């Protein structure tokens, strides 16, 4: 095992992928708890499709992918928030409307310009080879900013997540903090797309939160457990990808699924074990 890890970390691109991946996994796990509790977990899937469309346009224009995708996806996140709050088009319908439109635009641009090349497949399904030095530098800056902002406004995010009406009554600007959650989610989705792909990045947001909720009951414990699960699953997924040549995104999701099933089984077994002990 240790020899395999030593061999892996001889490659610079793998070191870059693990560093950025761990950072993105932390960001996705922390935000995922709020998104799942607010019943807005599929925003990751919707924004990833918008990200794919913007990355396709950036590729056609020979522009820097992240520099184009980040502002576009942030604007889409704000638009989704506005549509769900102030429009007759609610929640999942708004996500479906924007995500499918962006995906269609991306596919159309690709078919008219570069064609379905390797870069496009990387955006769809993820690749650890997709991270350039410039991408790593930008990802570290943006990912660190997401973690700092989440830590600074943790209590406000907690209040908005659990009871938005009560938070508003106590003077918290709920609209502002909903926009902050949307902003942080959009940045995280774009950063994670390079390794996880547009088709799988939402799993990085949803799985760790749902997994920790099987056994943890408090917001803080769920958040911490979610972060640990996300990082461990990402690292194990990268190792599996290295050993089997499987796409990184698929490997990470497989580990997340396995851990979710393990936690789900534990949540079912623990109450019955306690009941038996009480009876004895």
C-alpha atoms as a PDB file:
ATOM      1  CA  UNK A   1       0.000   0.000   0.000  1.00  0.00           C
ATOM      2  CA  UNK A   2       2.705   2.481   1.022  1.00  0.00           C
ATOM      3  CA  UNK A   3       4.764   1.594  -2.044  1.00  0.00           C
ATOM      4  CA  UNK A   4       1.741   2.326  -4.253  1.00  0.00           C
ATOM      5  CA  UNK A   5       1.250   5.729  -2.604  1.00  0.00           C
ATOM      6  CA  UNK A   6       4.955   6.527  -2.947  1.00  0.00           C
ATOM      7  CA  UNK A   7       4.788   5.598  -6.629  1.00  0.00           C
ATOM      8  CA  UNK A   8       1.667   7.728  -7.150  1.00  0.00           C
ATOM      9  CA  UNK A   9       3.135  10.854  -5.607  1.00  0.00           C
ATOM     10  CA  UNK A  10       6.157  10.728  -7.868  1.00  0.00           C
ATOM     11  CA  UNK A  11       3.905  12.243 -10.539  1.00  0.00           C
ATOM     12  CA  UNK A  12       3.455  15.987 -10.247  1.00  0.00           C
ATOM     13  CA  UNK A  13       0.027  15.986 -11.904  1.00  0.00           C
ATOM     14  CA  UNK A  14      -1.253  13.519  -9.298  1.00  0.00           C
ATOM     15  CA  UNK A  15       0.034  15.653  -6.440  1.00  0.00           C
ATOM     16  CA  UNK A  16      -1.726  18.673  -7.972  1.00  0.00           C
ATOM     17  CA  UNK A  17      -4.935  16.678  -8.418  1.00  0.00           C
ATOM     18  CA  UNK A  18      -4.946  15.395  -4.832  1.00  0.00           C
ATOM     19  CA  UNK A  19      -4.263  18.838  -3.321  1.00  0.00           C
ATOM     20  CA  UNK A  20      -6.999  20.547  -5.333  1.00  0.00           C
ATOM     21  CA  UNK A  21      -9.336  17.569  -4.995  1.00  0.00           C
ATOM     22  CA  UNK A  22      -9.108  17.498  -1.204  1.00  0.00           C
ATOM     23  CA  UNK A  23      -9.802  21.237  -1.077  1.00  0.00           C
ATOM     24  CA  UNK A  24     -12.789  20.969  -3.436  1.00  0.00           C
ATOM     25  CA  UNK A  25     -14.106  17.911  -1.552  1.00  0.00           C
ATOM     26  CA  UNK A  26     -14.059  19.903   1.696  1.00  0.00           C
ATOM     27  CA  UNK A  27     -15.886  22.820   0.097  1.00  0.00           C
ATOM     28  CA  UNK A  28     -18.503  20.562  -1.519  1.00  0.00           C
ATOM     29  CA  UNK A  29     -19.125  18.601   1.691  1.00  0.00           C
ATOM     30  CA  UNK A  30     -19.565  21.696   3.861  1.00  0.00           C
ATOM     31  CA  UNK A  31     -21.947  23.374   1.434  1.00  0.00           C
ATOM     32  CA  UNK A  32     -23.725  20.108   0.667  1.00  0.00           C
ATOM     33  CA  UNK A  33     -25.144  19.883   4.186  1.00  0.00           C
ATOM     34  CA  UNK A  34     -26.936  23.230   3.801  1.00  0.00           C
ATOM     35  CA  UNK A  35     -28.085  22.453   0.263  1.00  0.00           C
ATOM     36  CA  UNK A  36     -29.532  19.058   1.232  1.00  0.00           C
ATOM     37  CA  UNK A  37     -31.312  20.453   4.294  1.00  0.00           C
ATOM     38  CA  UNK A  38     -32.755  23.318   2.217  1.00  0.00           C
ATOM     39  CA  UNK A  39     -33.981  20.742  -0.338  1.00  0.00           C
ATOM     40  CA  UNK A  40     -31.855  22.369  -3.002  1.00  0.00           C
ATOM     41  CA  UNK A  41     -29.317  19.599  -3.460  1.00  0.00           C
ATOM     42  CA  UNK A  42     -29.774  19.268  -7.226  1.00  0.00           C
ATOM     43  CA  UNK A  43     -28.397  22.765  -7.726  1.00  0.00           C
ATOM     44  CA  UNK A  44     -24.996  21.090  -8.118  1.00  0.00           C
ATOM     45  CA  UNK A  45     -26.233  19.090 -11.084  1.00  0.00           C
ATOM     46  CA  UNK A  46     -27.854  22.133 -12.664  1.00  0.00           C
ATOM     47  CA  UNK A  47     -24.811  24.357 -12.226  1.00  0.00           C
ATOM     48  CA  UNK A  48     -22.501  21.657 -13.565  1.00  0.00           C
ATOM     49  CA  UNK A  49     -24.453  21.682 -16.829  1.00  0.00           C
ATOM     50  CA  UNK A  50     -24.142  25.459 -16.962  1.00  0.00           C
ATOM     51  CA  UNK A  51     -20.424  24.993 -16.295  1.00  0.00           C
ATOM     52  CA  UNK A  52     -20.177  22.559 -19.196  1.00  0.00           C
ATOM     53  CA  UNK A  53     -21.833  25.064 -21.521  1.00  0.00           C
ATOM     54  CA  UNK A  54     -19.472  27.864 -20.444  1.00  0.00           C
ATOM     55  CA  UNK A  55     -16.408  25.594 -20.712  1.00  0.00           C
ATOM     56  CA  UNK A  56     -17.483  24.601 -24.219  1.00  0.00           C
ATOM     57  CA  UNK A  57     -17.750  28.259 -25.232  1.00  0.00           C
ATOM     58  CA  UNK A  58     -14.353  28.983 -23.631  1.00  0.00           C
ATOM     59  CA  UNK A  59     -12.798  26.087 -25.586  1.00  0.00           C
ATOM     60  CA  UNK A  60     -14.290  27.376 -28.832  1.00  0.00           C
ATOM     61  CA  UNK A  61     -12.906  30.870 -28.104  1.00  0.00           C
ATOM     62  CA  UNK A  62      -9.486  29.522 -26.993  1.00  0.00           C
ATOM     63  CA  UNK A  63     -10.027  31.321 -23.685  1.00  0.00           C
ATOM     64  CA  UNK A  64      -8.998  30.263 -20.171  1.00  0.00           C
ATOM     65  CA  UNK A  65     -11.720  27.742 -19.125  1.00  0.00           C
ATOM     66  CA  UNK A  66     -11.973  28.620 -15.427  1.00  0.00           C
ATOM     67  CA  UNK A  67     -11.812  32.366 -16.063  1.00  0.00           C
ATOM     68  CA  UNK A  68     -14.894  32.055 -18.284  1.00  0.00           C
ATOM     69  CA  UNK A  69     -16.786  29.385 -16.343  1.00  0.00           C
ATOM     70  CA  UNK A  70     -16.601  30.867 -12.827  1.00  0.00           C
ATOM     71  CA  UNK A  71     -18.452  34.164 -13.510  1.00  0.00           C
ATOM     72  CA  UNK A  72     -21.003  32.478 -15.803  1.00  0.00           C
ATOM     73  CA  UNK A  73     -21.868  29.789 -13.239  1.00  0.00           C
ATOM     74  CA  UNK A  74     -22.025  32.354 -10.428  1.00  0.00           C
ATOM     75  CA  UNK A  75     -24.535  34.385 -12.458  1.00  0.00           C
ATOM     76  CA  UNK A  76     -26.523  31.199 -13.137  1.00  0.00           C
ATOM     77  CA  UNK A  77     -26.584  30.418  -9.396  1.00  0.00           C
ATOM     78  CA  UNK A  78     -27.977  33.878  -8.619  1.00  0.00           C
ATOM     79  CA  UNK A  79     -30.536  33.494 -11.406  1.00  0.00           C
ATOM     80  CA  UNK A  80     -31.647  30.120 -10.012  1.00  0.00           C
ATOM     81  CA  UNK A  81     -32.030  31.686  -6.588  1.00  0.00           C
ATOM     82  CA  UNK A  82     -34.129  34.552  -7.951  1.00  0.00           C
ATOM     83  CA  UNK A  83     -36.313  32.222 -10.024  1.00  0.00           C
ATOM     84  CA  UNK A  84     -37.018  29.941  -7.079  1.00  0.00           C
ATOM     85  CA  UNK A  85     -37.870  32.843  -4.735  1.00  0.00           C
ATOM     86  CA  UNK A  86     -39.728  35.308  -6.935  1.00  0.00           C
ATOM     87  CA  UNK A  87     -41.114  33.354  -9.857  1.00  0.00           C
ATOM     88  CA  UNK A  88     -43.841  30.856 -10.637  1.00  0.00           C
ATOM     89  CA  UNK A  89     -41.031  28.540 -11.773  1.00  0.00           C
ATOM     90  CA  UNK A  90     -39.947  26.846  -8.551  1.00  0.00           C
ATOM     91  CA  UNK A  91     -36.963  24.807  -7.360  1.00  0.00           C
ATOM     92  CA  UNK A  92     -36.361  21.726  -9.481  1.00  0.00           C
ATOM     93  CA  UNK A  93     -38.209  23.172 -12.488  1.00  0.00           C
ATOM     94  CA  UNK A  94     -35.932  26.232 -12.533  1.00  0.00           C
ATOM     95  CA  UNK A  95     -32.854  24.007 -12.286  1.00  0.00           C
ATOM     96  CA  UNK A  96     -34.078  21.801 -15.140  1.00  0.00           C
ATOM     97  CA  UNK A  97     -34.868  24.821 -17.308  1.00  0.00           C
ATOM     98  CA  UNK A  98     -31.460  26.456 -16.936  1.00  0.00           C
ATOM     99  CA  UNK A  99     -29.340  23.294 -16.878  1.00  0.00           C
ATOM    100  CA  UNK A 100     -30.815  21.692 -19.997  1.00  0.00           C
ATOM    101  CA  UNK A 101     -30.625  24.987 -21.906  1.00  0.00           C
ATOM    102  CA  UNK A 102     -26.954  25.454 -20.972  1.00  0.00           C
ATOM    103  CA  UNK A 103     -26.121  21.833 -21.845  1.00  0.00           C
ATOM    104  CA  UNK A 104     -27.808  22.179 -25.244  1.00  0.00           C
ATOM    105  CA  UNK A 105     -25.917  25.411 -25.974  1.00  0.00           C
ATOM    106  CA  UNK A 106     -22.632  23.755 -24.994  1.00  0.00           C
ATOM    107  CA  UNK A 107     -23.228  20.737 -27.240  1.00  0.00           C
ATOM    108  CA  UNK A 108     -24.269  23.001 -30.132  1.00  0.00           C
ATOM    109  CA  UNK A 109     -21.145  25.171 -29.790  1.00  0.00           C
ATOM    110  CA  UNK A 110     -18.904  22.110 -29.655  1.00  0.00           C
ATOM    111  CA  UNK A 111     -20.477  20.470 -32.693  1.00  0.00           C
ATOM    112  CA  UNK A 112     -20.058  23.674 -34.720  1.00  0.00           C
ATOM    113  CA  UNK A 113     -16.448  24.323 -33.679  1.00  0.00           C
ATOM    114  CA  UNK A 114     -14.030  21.793 -32.195  1.00  0.00           C
ATOM    115  CA  UNK A 115     -16.130  18.638 -32.332  1.00  0.00           C
ATOM    116  CA  UNK A 116     -16.310  15.998 -29.587  1.00  0.00           C
ATOM    117  CA  UNK A 117     -12.609  15.947 -28.688  1.00  0.00           C
ATOM    118  CA  UNK A 118     -10.713  14.759 -25.589  1.00  0.00           C
ATOM    119  CA  UNK A 119     -11.127  18.069 -23.750  1.00  0.00           C
ATOM    120  CA  UNK A 120     -14.902  17.822 -24.029  1.00  0.00           C
ATOM    121  CA  UNK A 121     -14.900  14.253 -22.654  1.00  0.00           C
ATOM    122  CA  UNK A 122     -12.766  15.492 -19.745  1.00  0.00           C
ATOM    123  CA  UNK A 123     -15.359  18.165 -18.961  1.00  0.00           C
ATOM    124  CA  UNK A 124     -18.190  15.614 -19.126  1.00  0.00           C
ATOM    125  CA  UNK A 125     -16.626  12.790 -17.106  1.00  0.00           C
ATOM    126  CA  UNK A 126     -13.592  14.349 -15.420  1.00  0.00           C
ATOM    127  CA  UNK A 127      -9.848  13.762 -15.667  1.00  0.00           C
ATOM    128  CA  UNK A 128      -7.008  14.385 -13.223  1.00  0.00           C
ATOM    129  CA  UNK A 129      -4.869  15.191 -16.252  1.00  0.00           C
ATOM    130  CA  UNK A 130      -7.016  18.273 -16.876  1.00  0.00           C
ATOM    131  CA  UNK A 131      -5.409  20.354 -14.113  1.00  0.00           C
ATOM    132  CA  UNK A 132      -2.749  22.758 -15.428  1.00  0.00           C
ATOM    133  CA  UNK A 133      -0.493  24.814 -13.141  1.00  0.00           C
ATOM    134  CA  UNK A 134      -2.636  27.891 -13.753  1.00  0.00           C
ATOM    135  CA  UNK A 135      -5.791  25.914 -12.903  1.00  0.00           C
ATOM    136  CA  UNK A 136      -4.194  24.663  -9.678  1.00  0.00           C
ATOM    137  CA  UNK A 137      -3.188  28.173  -8.599  1.00  0.00           C
ATOM    138  CA  UNK A 138      -6.660  29.596  -9.302  1.00  0.00           C
ATOM    139  CA  UNK A 139      -8.341  26.583  -7.667  1.00  0.00           C
ATOM    140  CA  UNK A 140      -6.273  26.962  -4.492  1.00  0.00           C
ATOM    141  CA  UNK A 141      -7.117  30.652  -4.228  1.00  0.00           C
ATOM    142  CA  UNK A 142     -10.844  30.210  -4.878  1.00  0.00           C
ATOM    143  CA  UNK A 143     -11.155  27.016  -2.807  1.00  0.00           C
ATOM    144  CA  UNK A 144      -9.411  28.607   0.175  1.00  0.00           C
ATOM    145  CA  UNK A 145     -11.697  31.625  -0.154  1.00  0.00           C
ATOM    146  CA  UNK A 146     -14.761  29.346  -0.041  1.00  0.00           C
ATOM    147  CA  UNK A 147     -13.548  27.672   3.172  1.00  0.00           C
ATOM    148  CA  UNK A 148     -12.703  31.008   4.828  1.00  0.00           C
ATOM    149  CA  UNK A 149     -16.079  32.546   3.960  1.00  0.00           C
ATOM    150  CA  UNK A 150     -17.934  29.443   5.162  1.00  0.00           C
ATOM    151  CA  UNK A 151     -16.058  29.523   8.478  1.00  0.00           C
ATOM    152  CA  UNK A 152     -16.625  33.260   8.943  1.00  0.00           C
ATOM    153  CA  UNK A 153     -20.373  33.070   8.306  1.00  0.00           C
ATOM    154  CA  UNK A 154     -20.963  29.576   9.696  1.00  0.00           C
ATOM    155  CA  UNK A 155     -23.534  30.658  12.303  1.00  0.00           C
ATOM    156  CA  UNK A 156     -25.491  32.765   9.800  1.00  0.00           C
ATOM    157  CA  UNK A 157     -25.503  29.928   7.257  1.00  0.00           C
ATOM    158  CA  UNK A 158     -26.697  27.577  10.021  1.00  0.00           C
ATOM    159  CA  UNK A 159     -29.558  29.945  10.910  1.00  0.00           C
ATOM    160  CA  UNK A 160     -30.645  30.411   7.288  1.00  0.00           C
ATOM    161  CA  UNK A 161     -30.469  26.664   6.666  1.00  0.00           C
ATOM    162  CA  UNK A 162     -32.652  25.550   9.575  1.00  0.00           C
ATOM    163  CA  UNK A 163     -35.290  28.255   9.892  1.00  0.00           C
ATOM    164  CA  UNK A 164     -35.142  31.034   7.339  1.00  0.00           C
ATOM    165  CA  UNK A 165     -38.271  32.780   8.619  1.00  0.00           C
ATOM    166  CA  UNK A 166     -36.989  32.871  12.201  1.00  0.00           C
ATOM    167  CA  UNK A 167     -33.583  34.073  10.995  1.00  0.00           C
ATOM    168  CA  UNK A 168     -35.282  36.880   9.073  1.00  0.00           C
ATOM    169  CA  UNK A 169     -37.294  37.826  12.158  1.00  0.00           C
ATOM    170  CA  UNK A 170     -34.115  38.136  14.223  1.00  0.00           C
ATOM    171  CA  UNK A 171     -32.656  40.635  11.742  1.00  0.00           C
ATOM    172  CA  UNK A 172     -30.456  38.342   9.662  1.00  0.00           C
ATOM    173  CA  UNK A 173     -30.383  39.324   5.997  1.00  0.00           C
ATOM    174  CA  UNK A 174     -31.439  35.925   4.708  1.00  0.00           C
ATOM    175  CA  UNK A 175     -31.374  36.987   1.059  1.00  0.00           C
ATOM    176  CA  UNK A 176     -27.734  38.006   1.373  1.00  0.00           C
ATOM    177  CA  UNK A 177     -26.713  34.699   2.965  1.00  0.00           C
ATOM    178  CA  UNK A 178     -28.700  32.667   0.445  1.00  0.00           C
ATOM    179  CA  UNK A 179     -26.752  34.493  -2.250  1.00  0.00           C
ATOM    180  CA  UNK A 180     -23.522  33.696  -0.387  1.00  0.00           C
ATOM    181  CA  UNK A 181     -24.406  29.978  -0.352  1.00  0.00           C
ATOM    182  CA  UNK A 182     -25.217  30.149  -4.078  1.00  0.00           C
ATOM    183  CA  UNK A 183     -21.920  31.932  -4.790  1.00  0.00           C
ATOM    184  CA  UNK A 184     -19.812  29.448  -2.828  1.00  0.00           C
ATOM    185  CA  UNK A 185     -21.631  26.502  -4.415  1.00  0.00           C
ATOM    186  CA  UNK A 186     -21.088  27.866  -7.929  1.00  0.00           C
ATOM    187  CA  UNK A 187     -17.348  28.324  -7.370  1.00  0.00           C
ATOM    188  CA  UNK A 188     -17.028  24.838  -5.873  1.00  0.00           C
ATOM    189  CA  UNK A 189     -18.914  23.221  -8.759  1.00  0.00           C
ATOM    190  CA  UNK A 190     -16.679  24.833 -11.382  1.00  0.00           C
ATOM    191  CA  UNK A 191     -13.498  23.851  -9.549  1.00  0.00           C
ATOM    192  CA  UNK A 192     -14.660  20.260  -9.095  1.00  0.00           C
ATOM    193  CA  UNK A 193     -15.799  19.796 -12.688  1.00  0.00           C
ATOM    194  CA  UNK A 194     -12.249  19.499 -13.993  1.00  0.00           C
ATOM    195  CA  UNK A 195     -11.725  16.250 -12.061  1.00  0.00           C
ATOM    196  CA  UNK A 196     -15.245  14.934 -11.462  1.00  0.00           C
ATOM    197  CA  UNK A 197     -16.869  16.013 -14.718  1.00  0.00           C
ATOM    198  CA  UNK A 198     -20.213  17.710 -15.322  1.00  0.00           C
ATOM    199  CA  UNK A 199     -22.068  14.404 -15.037  1.00  0.00           C
ATOM    200  CA  UNK A 200     -20.738  13.442 -11.585  1.00  0.00           C
ATOM    201  CA  UNK A 201     -19.836  16.619  -9.661  1.00  0.00           C
ATOM    202  CA  UNK A 202     -23.239  16.787  -7.944  1.00  0.00           C
ATOM    203  CA  UNK A 203     -22.385  13.506  -6.184  1.00  0.00           C
ATOM    204  CA  UNK A 204     -19.549  15.300  -4.394  1.00  0.00           C
ATOM    205  CA  UNK A 205     -22.134  17.699  -2.956  1.00  0.00           C
ATOM    206  CA  UNK A 206     -24.929  15.248  -2.133  1.00  0.00           C
ATOM    207  CA  UNK A 207     -23.348  11.949  -1.027  1.00  0.00           C
ATOM    208  CA  UNK A 208     -21.221  13.067   1.969  1.00  0.00           C
ATOM    209  CA  UNK A 209     -24.104  15.042   3.489  1.00  0.00           C
ATOM    210  CA  UNK A 210     -26.612  12.212   3.068  1.00  0.00           C
ATOM    211  CA  UNK A 211     -24.070   9.705   4.392  1.00  0.00           C
ATOM    212  CA  UNK A 212     -23.353  11.621   7.603  1.00  0.00           C
ATOM    213  CA  UNK A 213     -27.043  12.247   8.205  1.00  0.00           C
ATOM    214  CA  UNK A 214     -27.565   8.491   8.535  1.00  0.00           C
ATOM    215  CA  UNK A 215     -25.795   8.446  11.922  1.00  0.00           C
ATOM    216  CA  UNK A 216     -25.268  12.064  13.010  1.00  0.00           C
ATOM    217  CA  UNK A 217     -28.100  14.290  14.243  1.00  0.00           C
ATOM    218  CA  UNK A 218     -26.619  17.728  14.985  1.00  0.00           C
ATOM    219  CA  UNK A 219     -25.695  20.241  12.287  1.00  0.00           C
ATOM    220  CA  UNK A 220     -22.104  20.613  13.498  1.00  0.00           C
ATOM    221  CA  UNK A 221     -21.467  16.863  13.777  1.00  0.00           C
ATOM    222  CA  UNK A 222     -23.072  16.259  10.375  1.00  0.00           C
ATOM    223  CA  UNK A 223     -20.870  18.958   8.837  1.00  0.00           C
ATOM    224  CA  UNK A 224     -17.644  17.570  10.341  1.00  0.00           C
ATOM    225  CA  UNK A 225     -18.509  13.970   9.451  1.00  0.00           C
ATOM    226  CA  UNK A 226     -19.457  15.023   5.923  1.00  0.00           C
ATOM    227  CA  UNK A 227     -16.092  16.759   5.452  1.00  0.00           C
ATOM    228  CA  UNK A 228     -14.160  13.690   6.680  1.00  0.00           C
ATOM    229  CA  UNK A 229     -16.181  11.279   4.501  1.00  0.00           C
ATOM    230  CA  UNK A 230     -15.753  13.483   1.445  1.00  0.00           C
ATOM    231  CA  UNK A 231     -11.963  13.783   1.786  1.00  0.00           C
ATOM    232  CA  UNK A 232     -11.462  10.069   2.522  1.00  0.00           C
ATOM    233  CA  UNK A 233     -13.666   8.998  -0.400  1.00  0.00           C
ATOM    234  CA  UNK A 234     -11.892  11.372  -2.762  1.00  0.00           C
ATOM    235  CA  UNK A 235      -8.441  10.115  -1.776  1.00  0.00           C
ATOM    236  CA  UNK A 236      -9.504   6.458  -2.035  1.00  0.00           C
ATOM    237  CA  UNK A 237     -11.122   7.222  -5.393  1.00  0.00           C
ATOM    238  CA  UNK A 238      -7.898   8.712  -6.737  1.00  0.00           C
ATOM    239  CA  UNK A 239      -5.949   5.610  -5.608  1.00  0.00           C
ATOM    240  CA  UNK A 240      -8.517   3.318  -7.263  1.00  0.00           C
ATOM    241  CA  UNK A 241      -8.372   5.414 -10.433  1.00  0.00           C
ATOM    242  CA  UNK A 242      -4.578   5.144 -10.484  1.00  0.00           C
ATOM    243  CA  UNK A 243      -4.630   1.351 -10.004  1.00  0.00           C
ATOM    244  CA  UNK A 244      -7.413   0.554 -12.488  1.00  0.00           C
ATOM    245  CA  UNK A 245      -7.211   3.421 -15.041  1.00  0.00           C
ATOM    246  CA  UNK A 246     -10.851   4.172 -14.218  1.00  0.00           C
ATOM    247  CA  UNK A 247     -12.005   7.819 -14.585  1.00  0.00           C
ATOM    248  CA  UNK A 248     -11.427   9.692 -11.328  1.00  0.00           C
ATOM    249  CA  UNK A 249     -14.996  10.915 -11.021  1.00  0.00           C
ATOM    250  CA  UNK A 250     -16.457   7.419 -11.308  1.00  0.00           C
ATOM    251  CA  UNK A 251     -13.994   6.034  -8.739  1.00  0.00           C
ATOM    252  CA  UNK A 252     -14.829   8.750  -6.216  1.00  0.00           C
ATOM    253  CA  UNK A 253     -18.578   8.239  -6.639  1.00  0.00           C
ATOM    254  CA  UNK A 254     -18.208   4.456  -6.206  1.00  0.00           C
ATOM    255  CA  UNK A 255     -16.437   4.978  -2.869  1.00  0.00           C
ATOM    256  CA  UNK A 256     -19.063   7.502  -1.797  1.00  0.00           C
ATOM    257  CA  UNK A 257     -21.797   5.003  -2.631  1.00  0.00           C
ATOM    258  CA  UNK A 258     -20.045   2.234  -0.674  1.00  0.00           C
ATOM    259  CA  UNK A 259     -19.609   4.453   2.398  1.00  0.00           C
ATOM    260  CA  UNK A 260     -23.236   5.627   2.168  1.00  0.00           C
ATOM    261  CA  UNK A 261     -24.447   2.014   2.148  1.00  0.00           C
ATOM    262  CA  UNK A 262     -22.166   1.242   5.105  1.00  0.00           C
ATOM    263  CA  UNK A 263     -23.519   4.170   7.143  1.00  0.00           C
ATOM    264  CA  UNK A 264     -27.082   3.292   6.157  1.00  0.00           C
ATOM    265  CA  UNK A 265     -26.565  -0.305   7.361  1.00  0.00           C
ATOM    266  CA  UNK A 266     -24.985   0.965  10.588  1.00  0.00           C
ATOM    267  CA  UNK A 267     -27.954   3.279  11.208  1.00  0.00           C
ATOM    268  CA  UNK A 268     -30.311   0.306  10.813  1.00  0.00           C
ATOM    269  CA  UNK A 269     -28.267  -2.030  13.015  1.00  0.00           C
ATOM    270  CA  UNK A 270     -27.376   0.287  15.904  1.00  0.00           C
ATOM    271  CA  UNK A 271     -30.950   0.806  17.230  1.00  0.00           C
ATOM    272  CA  UNK A 272     -31.658  -2.930  17.164  1.00  0.00           C
ATOM    273  CA  UNK A 273     -28.389  -3.656  19.019  1.00  0.00           C
ATOM    274  CA  UNK A 274     -29.303  -1.087  21.705  1.00  0.00           C
ATOM    275  CA  UNK A 275     -32.750  -2.646  22.090  1.00  0.00           C
ATOM    276  CA  UNK A 276     -31.200  -6.092  22.616  1.00  0.00           C
ATOM    277  CA  UNK A 277     -28.809  -4.772  25.255  1.00  0.00           C
ATOM    278  CA  UNK A 278     -31.690  -3.052  27.060  1.00  0.00           C
ATOM    279  CA  UNK A 279     -33.724  -6.264  27.005  1.00  0.00           C
ATOM    280  CA  UNK A 280     -30.798  -8.244  28.472  1.00  0.00           C
END
